[in-house]
Amino acid sequence: RANPGLFDHLLYEKTYCGLFDNAKIREHVPSFVCEWTLEKGLRAICDWYESDSAARITDPEKERLENELCDMYEAWMNQIAQ
């Protein structure tokens, strides 16, 4: 409600959860063995993100809105705590 146009892409990205399996690769290449653990894959993603300065560029409008929403949430939490 705060700014729907800024988040239109979320409808398509988050409507359906992702289902990831390796059934196709196992069917076509039964000898395939994944040598990467989940931890190794996540670490590689984090390392890439931290080394790629372009990945950390933020949209100033989104940043402002996110900060505003966080401030509103904090004020609301303080209000209900009293």
PDB file of N, CA and C in Angstrom:
ATOM      1  N   ARG A   1       0.816  -1.199   0.000  1.00  0.00           N
ATOM      2  CA  ARG A   1       0.000   0.000   0.000  1.00  0.00           C
ATOM      3  C   ARG A   1       0.856   1.257   0.000  1.00  0.00           C
ATOM      4  N   ALA A   2       2.041   1.179   0.584  1.00  0.00           N
ATOM      5  CA  ALA A   2       2.888   2.357   0.710  1.00  0.00           C
ATOM      6  C   ALA A   2       3.367   2.859  -0.648  1.00  0.00           C
ATOM      7  N   ASN A   3       3.698   1.964  -1.555  1.00  0.00           N
ATOM      8  CA  ASN A   3       4.150   2.348  -2.892  1.00  0.00           C
ATOM      9  C   ASN A   3       4.097   1.124  -3.792  1.00  0.00           C
ATOM     10  N   PRO A   4       2.914   0.759  -4.269  1.00  0.00           N
ATOM     11  CA  PRO A   4       2.768  -0.484  -5.021  1.00  0.00           C
ATOM     12  C   PRO A   4       3.620  -0.548  -6.289  1.00  0.00           C
ATOM     13  N   GLY A   5       3.788   0.559  -6.982  1.00  0.00           N
ATOM     14  CA  GLY A   5       4.562   0.546  -8.215  1.00  0.00           C
ATOM     15  C   GLY A   5       6.009   0.172  -8.005  1.00  0.00           C
ATOM     16  N   LEU A   6       6.507   0.420  -6.828  1.00  0.00           N
ATOM     17  CA  LEU A   6       7.898   0.132  -6.524  1.00  0.00           C
ATOM     18  C   LEU A   6       8.137  -1.366  -6.332  1.00  0.00           C
ATOM     19  N   PHE A   7       7.078  -2.105  -6.063  1.00  0.00           N
ATOM     20  CA  PHE A   7       7.228  -3.519  -5.740  1.00  0.00           C
ATOM     21  C   PHE A   7       6.397  -4.442  -6.632  1.00  0.00           C
ATOM     22  N   ASP A   8       6.004  -3.980  -7.829  1.00  0.00           N
ATOM     23  CA  ASP A   8       5.229  -4.816  -8.743  1.00  0.00           C
ATOM     24  C   ASP A   8       5.910  -6.143  -9.048  1.00  0.00           C
ATOM     25  N   HIS A   9       7.218  -6.132  -9.152  1.00  0.00           N
ATOM     26  CA  HIS A   9       7.962  -7.342  -9.496  1.00  0.00           C
ATOM     27  C   HIS A   9       7.790  -8.449  -8.459  1.00  0.00           C
ATOM     28  N   LEU A  10       7.460  -8.099  -7.230  1.00  0.00           N
ATOM     29  CA  LEU A  10       7.331  -9.110  -6.180  1.00  0.00           C
ATOM     30  C   LEU A  10       6.179 -10.070  -6.447  1.00  0.00           C
ATOM     31  N   LEU A  11       5.142  -9.596  -7.126  1.00  0.00           N
ATOM     32  CA  LEU A  11       4.016 -10.475  -7.450  1.00  0.00           C
ATOM     33  C   LEU A  11       4.523 -11.677  -8.241  1.00  0.00           C
ATOM     34  N   TYR A  12       5.388 -11.416  -9.213  1.00  0.00           N
ATOM     35  CA  TYR A  12       5.881 -12.498 -10.057  1.00  0.00           C
ATOM     36  C   TYR A  12       6.991 -13.291  -9.383  1.00  0.00           C
ATOM     37  N   GLU A  13       7.797 -12.631  -8.593  1.00  0.00           N
ATOM     38  CA  GLU A  13       8.917 -13.322  -7.954  1.00  0.00           C
ATOM     39  C   GLU A  13       8.478 -14.169  -6.769  1.00  0.00           C
ATOM     40  N   LYS A  14       7.446 -13.759  -6.055  1.00  0.00           N
ATOM     41  CA  LYS A  14       7.114 -14.404  -4.792  1.00  0.00           C
ATOM     42  C   LYS A  14       5.767 -15.119  -4.783  1.00  0.00           C
ATOM     43  N   THR A  15       5.053 -15.117  -5.907  1.00  0.00           N
ATOM     44  CA  THR A  15       3.744 -15.773  -5.932  1.00  0.00           C
ATOM     45  C   THR A  15       3.872 -17.276  -5.730  1.00  0.00           C
ATOM     46  N   TYR A  16       4.830 -17.865  -6.386  1.00  0.00           N
ATOM     47  CA  TYR A  16       5.016 -19.311  -6.284  1.00  0.00           C
ATOM     48  C   TYR A  16       6.360 -19.585  -5.630  1.00  0.00           C
ATOM     49  N   CYS A  17       6.350 -20.484  -4.689  1.00  0.00           N
ATOM     50  CA  CYS A  17       7.618 -20.807  -4.042  1.00  0.00           C
ATOM     51  C   CYS A  17       8.470 -21.624  -5.011  1.00  0.00           C
ATOM     52  N   GLY A  18       9.753 -21.561  -4.829  1.00  0.00           N
ATOM     53  CA  GLY A  18      10.657 -22.307  -5.687  1.00  0.00           C
ATOM     54  C   GLY A  18      10.760 -23.754  -5.243  1.00  0.00           C
ATOM     55  N   LEU A  19      10.799 -24.631  -6.192  1.00  0.00           N
ATOM     56  CA  LEU A  19      11.002 -26.041  -5.907  1.00  0.00           C
ATOM     57  C   LEU A  19      12.251 -26.456  -6.669  1.00  0.00           C
ATOM     58  N   PHE A  20      13.248 -26.860  -5.958  1.00  0.00           N
ATOM     59  CA  PHE A  20      14.516 -27.196  -6.581  1.00  0.00           C
ATOM     60  C   PHE A  20      14.848 -28.650  -6.290  1.00  0.00           C
ATOM     61  N   ASP A  21      15.053 -29.401  -7.362  1.00  0.00           N
ATOM     62  CA  ASP A  21      15.532 -30.764  -7.180  1.00  0.00           C
ATOM     63  C   ASP A  21      16.428 -31.103  -8.362  1.00  0.00           C
ATOM     64  N   ASN A  22      17.070 -32.228  -8.281  1.00  0.00           N
ATOM     65  CA  ASN A  22      17.993 -32.609  -9.349  1.00  0.00           C
ATOM     66  C   ASN A  22      17.517 -33.854 -10.083  1.00  0.00           C
ATOM     67  N   ALA A  23      16.211 -34.059 -10.152  1.00  0.00           N
ATOM     68  CA  ALA A  23      15.658 -35.249 -10.801  1.00  0.00           C
ATOM     69  C   ALA A  23      16.053 -35.329 -12.276  1.00  0.00           C
ATOM     70  N   LYS A  24      16.018 -34.213 -12.985  1.00  0.00           N
ATOM     71  CA  LYS A  24      16.335 -34.252 -14.420  1.00  0.00           C
ATOM     72  C   LYS A  24      17.796 -34.603 -14.666  1.00  0.00           C
ATOM     73  N   ILE A  25      18.680 -33.987 -13.902  1.00  0.00           N
ATOM     74  CA  ILE A  25      20.099 -34.292 -14.111  1.00  0.00           C
ATOM     75  C   ILE A  25      20.382 -35.745 -13.728  1.00  0.00           C
ATOM     76  N   ARG A  26      19.738 -36.251 -12.685  1.00  0.00           N
ATOM     77  CA  ARG A  26      19.938 -37.655 -12.295  1.00  0.00           C
ATOM     78  C   ARG A  26      19.392 -38.605 -13.353  1.00  0.00           C
ATOM     79  N   GLU A  27      18.298 -38.195 -14.020  1.00  0.00           N
ATOM     80  CA  GLU A  27      17.713 -39.039 -15.067  1.00  0.00           C
ATOM     81  C   GLU A  27      18.635 -39.116 -16.286  1.00  0.00           C
ATOM     82  N   HIS A  28      19.180 -37.987 -16.686  1.00  0.00           N
ATOM     83  CA  HIS A  28      19.979 -37.931 -17.911  1.00  0.00           C
ATOM     84  C   HIS A  28      21.465 -38.204 -17.689  1.00  0.00           C
ATOM     85  N   VAL A  29      21.953 -37.944 -16.492  1.00  0.00           N
ATOM     86  CA  VAL A  29      23.369 -38.189 -16.181  1.00  0.00           C
ATOM     87  C   VAL A  29      23.418 -38.842 -14.798  1.00  0.00           C
ATOM     88  N   PRO A  30      23.072 -40.134 -14.742  1.00  0.00           N
ATOM     89  CA  PRO A  30      22.988 -40.796 -13.440  1.00  0.00           C
ATOM     90  C   PRO A  30      24.295 -40.801 -12.648  1.00  0.00           C
ATOM     91  N   SER A  31      25.416 -40.615 -13.325  1.00  0.00           N
ATOM     92  CA  SER A  31      26.690 -40.626 -12.612  1.00  0.00           C
ATOM     93  C   SER A  31      27.024 -39.268 -11.982  1.00  0.00           C
ATOM     94  N   PHE A  32      26.201 -38.253 -12.253  1.00  0.00           N
ATOM     95  CA  PHE A  32      26.460 -36.918 -11.709  1.00  0.00           C
ATOM     96  C   PHE A  32      26.376 -36.938 -10.182  1.00  0.00           C
ATOM     97  N   VAL A  33      27.392 -36.342  -9.565  1.00  0.00           N
ATOM     98  CA  VAL A  33      27.414 -36.196  -8.120  1.00  0.00           C
ATOM     99  C   VAL A  33      27.763 -34.740  -7.826  1.00  0.00           C
ATOM    100  N   CYS A  34      26.891 -34.069  -7.147  1.00  0.00           N
ATOM    101  CA  CYS A  34      27.154 -32.687  -6.789  1.00  0.00           C
ATOM    102  C   CYS A  34      28.196 -32.654  -5.680  1.00  0.00           C
ATOM    103  N   GLU A  35      29.257 -31.917  -5.912  1.00  0.00           N
ATOM    104  CA  GLU A  35      30.338 -31.866  -4.937  1.00  0.00           C
ATOM    105  C   GLU A  35      30.234 -30.660  -4.010  1.00  0.00           C
ATOM    106  N   TRP A  36      29.270 -29.816  -4.251  1.00  0.00           N
ATOM    107  CA  TRP A  36      29.085 -28.629  -3.410  1.00  0.00           C
ATOM    108  C   TRP A  36      27.994 -28.891  -2.385  1.00  0.00           C
ATOM    109  N   THR A  37      28.291 -28.576  -1.153  1.00  0.00           N
ATOM    110  CA  THR A  37      27.269 -28.652  -0.112  1.00  0.00           C
ATOM    111  C   THR A  37      26.458 -27.356  -0.153  1.00  0.00           C
ATOM    112  N   LEU A  38      25.342 -27.361   0.527  1.00  0.00           N
ATOM    113  CA  LEU A  38      24.542 -26.139   0.629  1.00  0.00           C
ATOM    114  C   LEU A  38      25.381 -25.026   1.244  1.00  0.00           C
ATOM    115  N   GLU A  39      26.132 -25.356   2.284  1.00  0.00           N
ATOM    116  CA  GLU A  39      26.963 -24.345   2.949  1.00  0.00           C
ATOM    117  C   GLU A  39      27.986 -23.746   1.983  1.00  0.00           C
ATOM    118  N   LYS A  40      28.617 -24.577   1.176  1.00  0.00           N
ATOM    119  CA  LYS A  40      29.606 -24.078   0.227  1.00  0.00           C
ATOM    120  C   LYS A  40      28.947 -23.179  -0.820  1.00  0.00           C
ATOM    121  N   GLY A  41      27.778 -23.559  -1.284  1.00  0.00           N
ATOM    122  CA  GLY A  41      27.062 -22.746  -2.263  1.00  0.00           C
ATOM    123  C   GLY A  41      26.646 -21.403  -1.689  1.00  0.00           C
ATOM    124  N   LEU A  42      26.122 -21.411  -0.476  1.00  0.00           N
ATOM    125  CA  LEU A  42      25.717 -20.155   0.161  1.00  0.00           C
ATOM    126  C   LEU A  42      26.919 -19.266   0.430  1.00  0.00           C
ATOM    127  N   ARG A  43      28.021 -19.875   0.819  1.00  0.00           N
ATOM    128  CA  ARG A  43      29.243 -19.098   1.072  1.00  0.00           C
ATOM    129  C   ARG A  43      29.723 -18.444  -0.227  1.00  0.00           C
ATOM    130  N   ALA A  44      29.650 -19.165  -1.338  1.00  0.00           N
ATOM    131  CA  ALA A  44      30.069 -18.611  -2.631  1.00  0.00           C
ATOM    132  C   ALA A  44      29.188 -17.429  -3.025  1.00  0.00           C
ATOM    133  N   ILE A  45      27.892 -17.548  -2.784  1.00  0.00           N
ATOM    134  CA  ILE A  45      26.980 -16.446  -3.086  1.00  0.00           C
ATOM    135  C   ILE A  45      27.320 -15.223  -2.238  1.00  0.00           C
ATOM    136  N   CYS A  46      27.525 -15.429  -0.957  1.00  0.00           N
ATOM    137  CA  CYS A  46      27.861 -14.316  -0.053  1.00  0.00           C
ATOM    138  C   CYS A  46      29.195 -13.689  -0.428  1.00  0.00           C
ATOM    139  N   ASP A  47      30.187 -14.522  -0.762  1.00  0.00           N
ATOM    140  CA  ASP A  47      31.491 -13.991  -1.162  1.00  0.00           C
ATOM    141  C   ASP A  47      31.360 -13.144  -2.424  1.00  0.00           C
ATOM    142  N   TRP A  48      30.597 -13.627  -3.399  1.00  0.00           N
ATOM    143  CA  TRP A  48      30.387 -12.857  -4.625  1.00  0.00           C
ATOM    144  C   TRP A  48      29.705 -11.533  -4.300  1.00  0.00           C
ATOM    145  N   TYR A  49      28.658 -11.590  -3.508  1.00  0.00           N
ATOM    146  CA  TYR A  49      27.909 -10.377  -3.185  1.00  0.00           C
ATOM    147  C   TYR A  49      28.803  -9.345  -2.505  1.00  0.00           C
ATOM    148  N   GLU A  50      29.611  -9.800  -1.572  1.00  0.00           N
ATOM    149  CA  GLU A  50      30.484  -8.885  -0.843  1.00  0.00           C
ATOM    150  C   GLU A  50      31.604  -8.332  -1.721  1.00  0.00           C
ATOM    151  N   SER A  51      32.005  -9.044  -2.757  1.00  0.00           N
ATOM    152  CA  SER A  51      33.088  -8.571  -3.619  1.00  0.00           C
ATOM    153  C   SER A  51      32.589  -7.747  -4.798  1.00  0.00           C
ATOM    154  N   ASP A  52      31.297  -7.802  -5.105  1.00  0.00           N
ATOM    155  CA  ASP A  52      30.738  -7.109  -6.271  1.00  0.00           C
ATOM    156  C   ASP A  52      30.065  -5.817  -5.821  1.00  0.00           C
ATOM    157  N   SER A  53      30.736  -4.704  -6.028  1.00  0.00           N
ATOM    158  CA  SER A  53      30.181  -3.429  -5.561  1.00  0.00           C
ATOM    159  C   SER A  53      28.871  -3.090  -6.267  1.00  0.00           C
ATOM    160  N   ALA A  54      28.684  -3.551  -7.497  1.00  0.00           N
ATOM    161  CA  ALA A  54      27.433  -3.266  -8.216  1.00  0.00           C
ATOM    162  C   ALA A  54      26.250  -3.929  -7.540  1.00  0.00           C
ATOM    163  N   ALA A  55      26.476  -5.043  -6.857  1.00  0.00           N
ATOM    164  CA  ALA A  55      25.379  -5.751  -6.187  1.00  0.00           C
ATOM    165  C   ALA A  55      24.872  -4.980  -4.978  1.00  0.00           C
ATOM    166  N   ARG A  56      25.679  -4.052  -4.485  1.00  0.00           N
ATOM    167  CA  ARG A  56      25.292  -3.310  -3.284  1.00  0.00           C
ATOM    168  C   ARG A  56      24.696  -1.936  -3.587  1.00  0.00           C
ATOM    169  N   ILE A  57      24.497  -1.627  -4.863  1.00  0.00           N
ATOM    170  CA  ILE A  57      23.889  -0.340  -5.217  1.00  0.00           C
ATOM    171  C   ILE A  57      22.414  -0.399  -4.832  1.00  0.00           C
ATOM    172  N   THR A  58      21.974   0.586  -4.089  1.00  0.00           N
ATOM    173  CA  THR A  58      20.589   0.590  -3.651  1.00  0.00           C
ATOM    174  C   THR A  58      19.796   1.644  -4.396  1.00  0.00           C
ATOM    175  N   ASP A  59      18.525   1.392  -4.531  1.00  0.00           N
ATOM    176  CA  ASP A  59      17.600   2.347  -5.125  1.00  0.00           C
ATOM    177  C   ASP A  59      17.242   3.340  -4.027  1.00  0.00           C
ATOM    178  N   PRO A  60      17.556   4.616  -4.192  1.00  0.00           N
ATOM    179  CA  PRO A  60      17.308   5.587  -3.130  1.00  0.00           C
ATOM    180  C   PRO A  60      15.837   5.663  -2.712  1.00  0.00           C
ATOM    181  N   GLU A  61      14.927   5.494  -3.666  1.00  0.00           N
ATOM    182  CA  GLU A  61      13.500   5.544  -3.325  1.00  0.00           C
ATOM    183  C   GLU A  61      13.107   4.352  -2.457  1.00  0.00           C
ATOM    184  N   LYS A  62      13.602   3.167  -2.817  1.00  0.00           N
ATOM    185  CA  LYS A  62      13.320   1.985  -1.998  1.00  0.00           C
ATOM    186  C   LYS A  62      13.946   2.114  -0.622  1.00  0.00           C
ATOM    187  N   GLU A  63      15.167   2.623  -0.586  1.00  0.00           N
ATOM    188  CA  GLU A  63      15.860   2.795   0.684  1.00  0.00           C
ATOM    189  C   GLU A  63      15.074   3.722   1.608  1.00  0.00           C
ATOM    190  N   ARG A  64      14.594   4.842   1.066  1.00  0.00           N
ATOM    191  CA  ARG A  64      13.816   5.794   1.844  1.00  0.00           C
ATOM    192  C   ARG A  64      12.534   5.149   2.354  1.00  0.00           C
ATOM    193  N   LEU A  65      11.838   4.424   1.469  1.00  0.00           N
ATOM    194  CA  LEU A  65      10.580   3.782   1.860  1.00  0.00           C
ATOM    195  C   LEU A  65      10.824   2.706   2.914  1.00  0.00           C
ATOM    196  N   GLU A  66      11.870   1.899   2.722  1.00  0.00           N
ATOM    197  CA  GLU A  66      12.172   0.855   3.708  1.00  0.00           C
ATOM    198  C   GLU A  66      12.479   1.464   5.069  1.00  0.00           C
ATOM    199  N   ASN A  67      13.251   2.546   5.079  1.00  0.00           N
ATOM    200  CA  ASN A  67      13.553   3.220   6.347  1.00  0.00           C
ATOM    201  C   ASN A  67      12.295   3.776   6.985  1.00  0.00           C
ATOM    202  N   GLU A  68      11.430   4.351   6.177  1.00  0.00           N
ATOM    203  CA  GLU A  68      10.174   4.906   6.693  1.00  0.00           C
ATOM    204  C   GLU A  68       9.294   3.797   7.284  1.00  0.00           C
ATOM    205  N   LEU A  69       9.206   2.675   6.577  1.00  0.00           N
ATOM    206  CA  LEU A  69       8.398   1.555   7.072  1.00  0.00           C
ATOM    207  C   LEU A  69       8.989   0.975   8.355  1.00  0.00           C
ATOM    208  N   CYS A  70      10.308   0.886   8.440  1.00  0.00           N
ATOM    209  CA  CYS A  70      10.956   0.397   9.665  1.00  0.00           C
ATOM    210  C   CYS A  70      10.684   1.346  10.836  1.00  0.00           C
ATOM    211  N   ASP A  71      10.757   2.647  10.564  1.00  0.00           N
ATOM    212  CA  ASP A  71      10.464   3.628  11.616  1.00  0.00           C
ATOM    213  C   ASP A  71       9.014   3.513  12.083  1.00  0.00           C
ATOM    214  N   MET A  72       8.100   3.321  11.137  1.00  0.00           N
ATOM    215  CA  MET A  72       6.685   3.172  11.488  1.00  0.00           C
ATOM    216  C   MET A  72       6.471   1.912  12.323  1.00  0.00           C
ATOM    217  N   TYR A  73       7.133   0.820  11.939  1.00  0.00           N
ATOM    218  CA  TYR A  73       7.011  -0.433  12.673  1.00  0.00           C
ATOM    219  C   TYR A  73       7.554  -0.269  14.090  1.00  0.00           C
ATOM    220  N   GLU A  74       8.704   0.382  14.225  1.00  0.00           N
ATOM    221  CA  GLU A  74       9.298   0.587  15.545  1.00  0.00           C
ATOM    222  C   GLU A  74       8.379   1.442  16.423  1.00  0.00           C
ATOM    223  N   ALA A  75       7.801   2.485  15.829  1.00  0.00           N
ATOM    224  CA  ALA A  75       6.872   3.339  16.596  1.00  0.00           C
ATOM    225  C   ALA A  75       5.646   2.539  17.031  1.00  0.00           C
ATOM    226  N   TRP A  76       5.150   1.695  16.137  1.00  0.00           N
ATOM    227  CA  TRP A  76       3.980   0.872  16.450  1.00  0.00           C
ATOM    228  C   TRP A  76       4.307  -0.106  17.579  1.00  0.00           C
ATOM    229  N   MET A  77       5.486  -0.748  17.504  1.00  0.00           N
ATOM    230  CA  MET A  77       5.891  -1.695  18.545  1.00  0.00           C
ATOM    231  C   MET A  77       6.034  -0.985  19.886  1.00  0.00           C
ATOM    232  N   ASN A  78       6.595   0.218  19.872  1.00  0.00           N
ATOM    233  CA  ASN A  78       6.717   0.979  21.117  1.00  0.00           C
ATOM    234  C   ASN A  78       5.349   1.341  21.668  1.00  0.00           C
ATOM    235  N   GLN A  79       4.425   1.659  20.792  1.00  0.00           N
ATOM    236  CA  GLN A  79       3.080   2.037  21.214  1.00  0.00           C
ATOM    237  C   GLN A  79       2.357   0.861  21.870  1.00  0.00           C
ATOM    238  N   ILE A  80       2.465  -0.319  21.271  1.00  0.00           N
ATOM    239  CA  ILE A  80       1.743  -1.457  21.845  1.00  0.00           C
ATOM    240  C   ILE A  80       2.441  -1.986  23.093  1.00  0.00           C
ATOM    241  N   ALA A  81       3.729  -1.680  23.253  1.00  0.00           N
ATOM    242  CA  ALA A  81       4.452  -2.132  24.440  1.00  0.00           C
ATOM    243  C   ALA A  81       4.062  -1.319  25.678  1.00  0.00           C
ATOM    244  N   GLN A  82       3.500  -0.135  25.472  1.00  0.00           N
ATOM    245  CA  GLN A  82       3.158   0.729  26.603  1.00  0.00           C
ATOM    246  C   GLN A  82       1.859   0.355  27.217  1.00  0.00           C
TER     247      GLN A  82
END
